N, C-alpha and C. Protein backbone atom coordinates (compact mmCIF):
# COMPACT_ATOMS: atom_id res chain seq x y z
N UNK A 1 37.23 -1.07 19.55
CA UNK A 1 36.05 -1.80 19.15
C UNK A 1 35.98 -3.14 19.89
N UNK A 2 34.91 -3.42 20.60
CA UNK A 2 34.77 -4.60 21.33
C UNK A 2 33.94 -5.60 20.46
N UNK A 3 33.98 -6.89 20.86
CA UNK A 3 33.20 -7.94 20.16
C UNK A 3 31.76 -7.59 20.29
N UNK A 4 30.97 -7.66 19.25
CA UNK A 4 29.53 -7.37 19.29
C UNK A 4 29.17 -5.91 19.12
N UNK A 5 30.16 -5.15 18.63
CA UNK A 5 29.87 -3.73 18.31
C UNK A 5 30.24 -3.44 16.83
N UNK A 6 29.50 -2.44 16.32
CA UNK A 6 29.80 -1.95 14.99
C UNK A 6 31.00 -1.05 15.09
N UNK A 7 31.49 -0.58 13.96
CA UNK A 7 32.64 0.32 13.91
C UNK A 7 32.39 1.64 14.66
N UNK A 8 31.14 2.08 14.75
CA UNK A 8 30.85 3.33 15.43
C UNK A 8 30.69 3.13 16.92
N UNK A 9 30.82 1.86 17.48
CA UNK A 9 30.73 1.60 18.85
C UNK A 9 29.33 1.17 19.32
N UNK A 10 28.30 1.24 18.41
CA UNK A 10 26.97 0.84 18.78
C UNK A 10 26.87 -0.64 18.87
N UNK A 11 26.01 -1.17 19.76
CA UNK A 11 25.85 -2.65 19.92
C UNK A 11 25.33 -3.29 18.63
N UNK A 12 25.94 -4.39 18.26
CA UNK A 12 25.48 -5.09 17.03
C UNK A 12 24.41 -6.05 17.37
N UNK A 13 24.33 -6.62 18.60
CA UNK A 13 23.37 -7.59 18.90
C UNK A 13 23.18 -7.67 20.43
N UNK A 14 22.16 -8.35 20.85
CA UNK A 14 21.98 -8.65 22.27
C UNK A 14 21.66 -10.11 22.45
N UNK A 15 21.92 -10.66 23.63
CA UNK A 15 21.60 -12.05 23.85
C UNK A 15 20.41 -12.12 24.85
N UNK A 16 19.46 -13.05 24.54
CA UNK A 16 18.33 -13.19 25.42
C UNK A 16 18.68 -14.35 26.42
N UNK A 17 17.73 -14.75 27.20
CA UNK A 17 17.95 -15.76 28.22
C UNK A 17 18.30 -17.17 27.61
N UNK A 18 17.85 -17.43 26.46
CA UNK A 18 18.10 -18.69 25.81
C UNK A 18 19.51 -18.68 25.05
N UNK A 19 20.16 -17.57 25.08
CA UNK A 19 21.46 -17.50 24.39
C UNK A 19 21.31 -17.22 22.94
N UNK A 20 20.07 -16.92 22.49
CA UNK A 20 19.88 -16.53 21.05
C UNK A 20 20.20 -15.11 20.86
N UNK A 21 20.62 -14.77 19.68
CA UNK A 21 20.98 -13.36 19.37
C UNK A 21 19.86 -12.72 18.69
N UNK A 22 19.50 -11.55 19.21
CA UNK A 22 18.45 -10.73 18.57
C UNK A 22 19.14 -9.53 17.90
N UNK A 23 19.01 -9.40 16.53
CA UNK A 23 19.66 -8.37 15.88
C UNK A 23 18.62 -7.21 15.64
N UNK A 24 19.15 -6.03 15.74
CA UNK A 24 18.31 -4.83 15.42
C UNK A 24 18.66 -4.36 14.04
N UNK A 25 17.66 -4.38 13.13
CA UNK A 25 17.88 -4.03 11.76
C UNK A 25 17.40 -2.60 11.57
N UNK A 26 18.25 -1.69 11.32
CA UNK A 26 17.90 -0.28 11.21
C UNK A 26 17.77 0.19 9.72
N UNK A 27 17.76 -0.74 8.82
CA UNK A 27 17.65 -0.35 7.41
C UNK A 27 16.24 -0.08 7.03
N UNK A 28 16.05 0.73 5.97
CA UNK A 28 14.65 0.92 5.53
C UNK A 28 14.06 -0.36 4.95
N UNK A 29 12.76 -0.44 5.10
CA UNK A 29 12.09 -1.66 4.62
C UNK A 29 11.27 -1.33 3.34
N UNK A 30 11.26 -2.29 2.41
CA UNK A 30 10.48 -2.15 1.20
C UNK A 30 8.99 -2.28 1.51
N UNK A 31 8.23 -1.36 1.07
CA UNK A 31 6.78 -1.34 1.33
C UNK A 31 6.06 -0.74 0.11
N UNK A 32 4.76 -0.74 0.19
CA UNK A 32 3.96 -0.18 -0.87
C UNK A 32 2.71 0.43 -0.36
N UNK A 33 2.07 1.27 -1.12
CA UNK A 33 0.72 1.80 -0.84
C UNK A 33 -0.06 1.71 -2.13
N UNK A 34 -1.33 1.20 -1.97
CA UNK A 34 -2.22 1.08 -3.08
C UNK A 34 -3.20 2.22 -3.11
N UNK A 35 -3.50 2.77 -4.28
CA UNK A 35 -4.41 3.89 -4.50
C UNK A 35 -5.54 3.38 -5.41
N UNK A 36 -6.71 3.45 -4.88
CA UNK A 36 -7.89 2.99 -5.65
C UNK A 36 -8.69 4.25 -6.08
N UNK A 37 -9.32 4.27 -7.18
CA UNK A 37 -10.18 5.35 -7.58
C UNK A 37 -11.27 5.54 -6.54
N UNK A 38 -11.53 6.81 -6.23
CA UNK A 38 -12.66 7.09 -5.30
C UNK A 38 -13.98 6.96 -6.01
N UNK A 39 -14.98 6.41 -5.32
CA UNK A 39 -16.35 6.39 -5.93
C UNK A 39 -16.90 7.78 -5.96
N UNK A 40 -17.50 8.17 -7.04
CA UNK A 40 -18.10 9.54 -7.25
C UNK A 40 -19.62 9.55 -7.24
N UNK A 41 -20.17 8.51 -7.89
CA UNK A 41 -21.62 8.47 -7.99
C UNK A 41 -22.12 7.02 -7.77
N UNK A 42 -23.32 6.97 -7.28
CA UNK A 42 -24.03 5.61 -7.13
C UNK A 42 -25.28 5.63 -8.00
N UNK A 43 -25.62 4.41 -8.47
CA UNK A 43 -26.79 4.31 -9.32
C UNK A 43 -28.09 4.09 -8.43
N UNK A 44 -29.17 3.87 -9.10
CA UNK A 44 -30.43 3.72 -8.39
C UNK A 44 -30.41 2.58 -7.29
N UNK A 45 -29.63 1.55 -7.58
CA UNK A 45 -29.56 0.38 -6.71
C UNK A 45 -28.56 0.53 -5.60
N UNK A 46 -27.83 1.65 -5.60
CA UNK A 46 -26.80 1.87 -4.58
C UNK A 46 -25.40 1.44 -4.92
N UNK A 47 -25.23 0.84 -6.09
CA UNK A 47 -23.88 0.43 -6.50
C UNK A 47 -23.15 1.63 -7.17
N UNK A 48 -21.83 1.60 -7.05
CA UNK A 48 -21.07 2.71 -7.63
C UNK A 48 -21.16 2.66 -9.12
N UNK A 49 -21.51 3.85 -9.72
CA UNK A 49 -21.62 3.86 -11.14
C UNK A 49 -20.57 4.75 -11.81
N UNK A 50 -19.87 5.56 -11.02
CA UNK A 50 -18.83 6.44 -11.57
C UNK A 50 -17.70 6.56 -10.57
N UNK A 51 -16.45 6.41 -11.10
CA UNK A 51 -15.27 6.46 -10.25
C UNK A 51 -14.41 7.65 -10.65
N UNK A 52 -13.50 8.05 -9.76
CA UNK A 52 -12.56 9.11 -9.97
C UNK A 52 -11.76 8.78 -11.29
N UNK A 53 -11.62 9.78 -12.15
CA UNK A 53 -10.82 9.55 -13.37
C UNK A 53 -9.33 9.33 -13.09
N UNK A 54 -8.59 8.65 -13.94
CA UNK A 54 -7.19 8.33 -13.77
C UNK A 54 -6.33 9.60 -13.58
N UNK A 55 -6.54 10.64 -14.36
CA UNK A 55 -5.72 11.89 -14.11
C UNK A 55 -5.92 12.46 -12.71
N UNK A 56 -7.10 12.37 -12.12
CA UNK A 56 -7.30 12.85 -10.76
C UNK A 56 -6.63 11.93 -9.76
N UNK A 57 -6.71 10.67 -10.01
CA UNK A 57 -6.01 9.62 -9.18
C UNK A 57 -4.53 9.92 -9.17
N UNK A 58 -3.98 10.13 -10.31
CA UNK A 58 -2.55 10.40 -10.42
C UNK A 58 -2.15 11.67 -9.68
N UNK A 59 -2.98 12.69 -9.75
CA UNK A 59 -2.74 13.99 -9.02
C UNK A 59 -2.71 13.65 -7.56
N UNK A 60 -3.64 12.85 -7.07
CA UNK A 60 -3.76 12.48 -5.65
C UNK A 60 -2.49 11.68 -5.19
N UNK A 61 -2.01 10.79 -6.07
CA UNK A 61 -0.82 10.02 -5.77
C UNK A 61 0.43 10.98 -5.69
N UNK A 62 0.52 11.87 -6.64
CA UNK A 62 1.64 12.82 -6.64
C UNK A 62 1.68 13.71 -5.45
N UNK A 63 0.44 14.15 -5.00
CA UNK A 63 0.36 14.99 -3.78
C UNK A 63 0.81 14.17 -2.56
N UNK A 64 0.50 12.90 -2.49
CA UNK A 64 0.92 12.09 -1.39
C UNK A 64 2.44 11.88 -1.41
N UNK A 65 3.02 11.64 -2.56
CA UNK A 65 4.45 11.43 -2.68
C UNK A 65 5.20 12.76 -2.24
N UNK A 66 4.64 13.92 -2.65
CA UNK A 66 5.28 15.16 -2.25
C UNK A 66 5.10 15.42 -0.74
N UNK A 67 3.95 15.17 -0.19
CA UNK A 67 3.70 15.45 1.24
C UNK A 67 4.50 14.50 2.11
N UNK A 68 4.76 13.28 1.67
CA UNK A 68 5.54 12.29 2.52
C UNK A 68 7.00 12.30 2.19
N UNK A 69 7.40 13.05 1.21
CA UNK A 69 8.82 13.20 0.81
C UNK A 69 9.45 11.80 0.55
N UNK A 70 8.75 10.95 -0.18
CA UNK A 70 9.36 9.61 -0.47
C UNK A 70 9.89 9.62 -1.86
N UNK A 71 10.73 8.64 -2.13
CA UNK A 71 11.27 8.39 -3.47
C UNK A 71 10.71 7.08 -3.96
N UNK A 72 9.71 7.14 -4.88
CA UNK A 72 9.15 5.82 -5.31
C UNK A 72 10.21 5.01 -6.10
N UNK A 73 10.20 3.72 -5.82
CA UNK A 73 11.09 2.78 -6.53
C UNK A 73 10.42 2.28 -7.82
N UNK A 74 9.11 2.11 -7.70
CA UNK A 74 8.40 1.55 -8.85
C UNK A 74 6.91 1.92 -8.68
N UNK A 75 6.24 2.05 -9.80
CA UNK A 75 4.78 2.29 -9.83
C UNK A 75 4.20 1.29 -10.79
N UNK A 76 3.16 0.65 -10.39
CA UNK A 76 2.51 -0.36 -11.23
C UNK A 76 0.99 -0.26 -11.12
N UNK A 77 0.31 -0.71 -12.15
CA UNK A 77 -1.14 -0.74 -12.17
C UNK A 77 -1.56 -2.20 -11.98
N UNK A 78 -2.61 -2.43 -11.22
CA UNK A 78 -3.13 -3.75 -10.90
C UNK A 78 -4.62 -3.74 -11.18
N UNK A 79 -5.15 -4.88 -11.52
CA UNK A 79 -6.63 -4.99 -11.57
C UNK A 79 -7.00 -5.87 -10.36
N UNK A 80 -7.69 -5.22 -9.37
CA UNK A 80 -8.07 -5.94 -8.20
C UNK A 80 -9.60 -5.99 -8.07
N UNK A 81 -10.13 -7.02 -7.44
CA UNK A 81 -11.58 -7.10 -7.27
C UNK A 81 -12.12 -6.01 -6.46
N UNK A 82 -13.28 -5.49 -6.85
CA UNK A 82 -13.94 -4.46 -6.09
C UNK A 82 -14.32 -4.92 -4.74
N UNK A 83 -14.41 -4.03 -3.72
CA UNK A 83 -14.85 -4.35 -2.41
C UNK A 83 -16.34 -4.68 -2.41
N UNK A 84 -16.74 -5.53 -1.50
CA UNK A 84 -18.18 -5.89 -1.36
C UNK A 84 -19.07 -4.64 -1.24
N UNK A 85 -18.69 -3.64 -0.43
CA UNK A 85 -19.50 -2.47 -0.29
C UNK A 85 -19.69 -1.68 -1.65
N UNK A 86 -18.71 -1.87 -2.50
CA UNK A 86 -18.80 -1.13 -3.77
C UNK A 86 -19.82 -1.84 -4.71
N UNK A 87 -20.08 -3.10 -4.48
CA UNK A 87 -21.01 -3.86 -5.33
C UNK A 87 -22.36 -4.02 -4.73
N UNK A 88 -22.53 -3.46 -3.46
CA UNK A 88 -23.81 -3.57 -2.83
C UNK A 88 -24.96 -3.01 -3.65
N UNK A 89 -25.99 -3.78 -3.83
CA UNK A 89 -27.19 -3.34 -4.54
C UNK A 89 -28.35 -4.19 -4.19
N UNK A 90 -29.54 -3.74 -4.63
CA UNK A 90 -30.75 -4.51 -4.29
C UNK A 90 -30.97 -5.62 -5.33
N UNK A 91 -30.23 -5.64 -6.40
CA UNK A 91 -30.40 -6.73 -7.33
C UNK A 91 -29.34 -7.80 -7.11
N UNK A 92 -29.61 -8.99 -7.47
CA UNK A 92 -28.67 -10.12 -7.29
C UNK A 92 -27.80 -10.24 -8.52
N UNK A 93 -26.49 -10.15 -8.27
CA UNK A 93 -25.51 -10.28 -9.33
C UNK A 93 -25.14 -11.72 -9.53
N UNK A 94 -24.81 -12.04 -10.74
CA UNK A 94 -24.31 -13.39 -11.03
C UNK A 94 -22.93 -13.50 -10.32
N UNK A 95 -22.75 -14.49 -9.44
CA UNK A 95 -21.51 -14.70 -8.67
C UNK A 95 -20.29 -14.89 -9.58
N UNK A 96 -20.52 -15.30 -10.80
CA UNK A 96 -19.32 -15.50 -11.70
C UNK A 96 -18.84 -14.15 -12.26
N UNK A 97 -19.64 -13.12 -12.14
CA UNK A 97 -19.23 -11.78 -12.58
C UNK A 97 -18.52 -11.08 -11.40
N UNK A 98 -17.30 -10.64 -11.69
CA UNK A 98 -16.51 -9.92 -10.73
C UNK A 98 -16.00 -8.63 -11.28
N UNK A 99 -16.31 -7.50 -10.65
CA UNK A 99 -15.91 -6.21 -11.10
C UNK A 99 -14.46 -5.96 -10.60
N UNK A 100 -13.63 -5.52 -11.45
CA UNK A 100 -12.23 -5.24 -11.10
C UNK A 100 -11.97 -3.75 -11.29
N UNK A 101 -11.22 -3.15 -10.35
CA UNK A 101 -10.87 -1.82 -10.44
C UNK A 101 -9.37 -1.67 -10.73
N UNK A 102 -9.00 -0.67 -11.55
CA UNK A 102 -7.62 -0.46 -11.81
C UNK A 102 -7.07 0.27 -10.58
N UNK A 103 -6.05 -0.32 -9.99
CA UNK A 103 -5.39 0.22 -8.78
C UNK A 103 -3.96 0.57 -9.07
N UNK A 104 -3.49 1.64 -8.51
CA UNK A 104 -2.04 2.01 -8.71
C UNK A 104 -1.28 1.69 -7.42
N UNK A 105 -0.22 0.91 -7.52
CA UNK A 105 0.65 0.56 -6.38
C UNK A 105 1.96 1.28 -6.55
N UNK A 106 2.34 1.99 -5.48
CA UNK A 106 3.61 2.70 -5.38
C UNK A 106 4.47 1.97 -4.43
N UNK A 107 5.65 1.47 -4.90
CA UNK A 107 6.64 0.80 -4.09
C UNK A 107 7.66 1.85 -3.65
N UNK A 108 8.08 1.79 -2.37
CA UNK A 108 9.10 2.75 -1.86
C UNK A 108 9.74 2.16 -0.62
N UNK A 109 10.82 2.81 -0.18
CA UNK A 109 11.52 2.37 1.04
C UNK A 109 10.94 3.16 2.18
N UNK A 110 10.54 2.44 3.29
CA UNK A 110 9.98 3.12 4.43
C UNK A 110 11.14 3.34 5.42
N UNK A 111 11.39 4.60 5.71
CA UNK A 111 12.52 4.94 6.64
C UNK A 111 12.16 4.61 8.03
């Protein structure tokens, strides 16, 4: 084993022109994916009036977990503001009113 090598002989680091060491980190990174209910219906004014029910959202999440073969570390629900497109309508809404959607966040390690 030489200086700057791991036990398996692979290089542990490289030096750039300034003498700084750049490390290559091969470990999985913590990441997440958010799942929002899909809009199903719009009202007369073009705003969403009905969203995907929670059991269908959970089925979609489980299908994604199975297809990606990931191991979730944690699952949480969040209330996040609705996107502007979801609130688009011909009527003027009070700016102090903000619609929030229940969003499911899945935390996992990205290989």
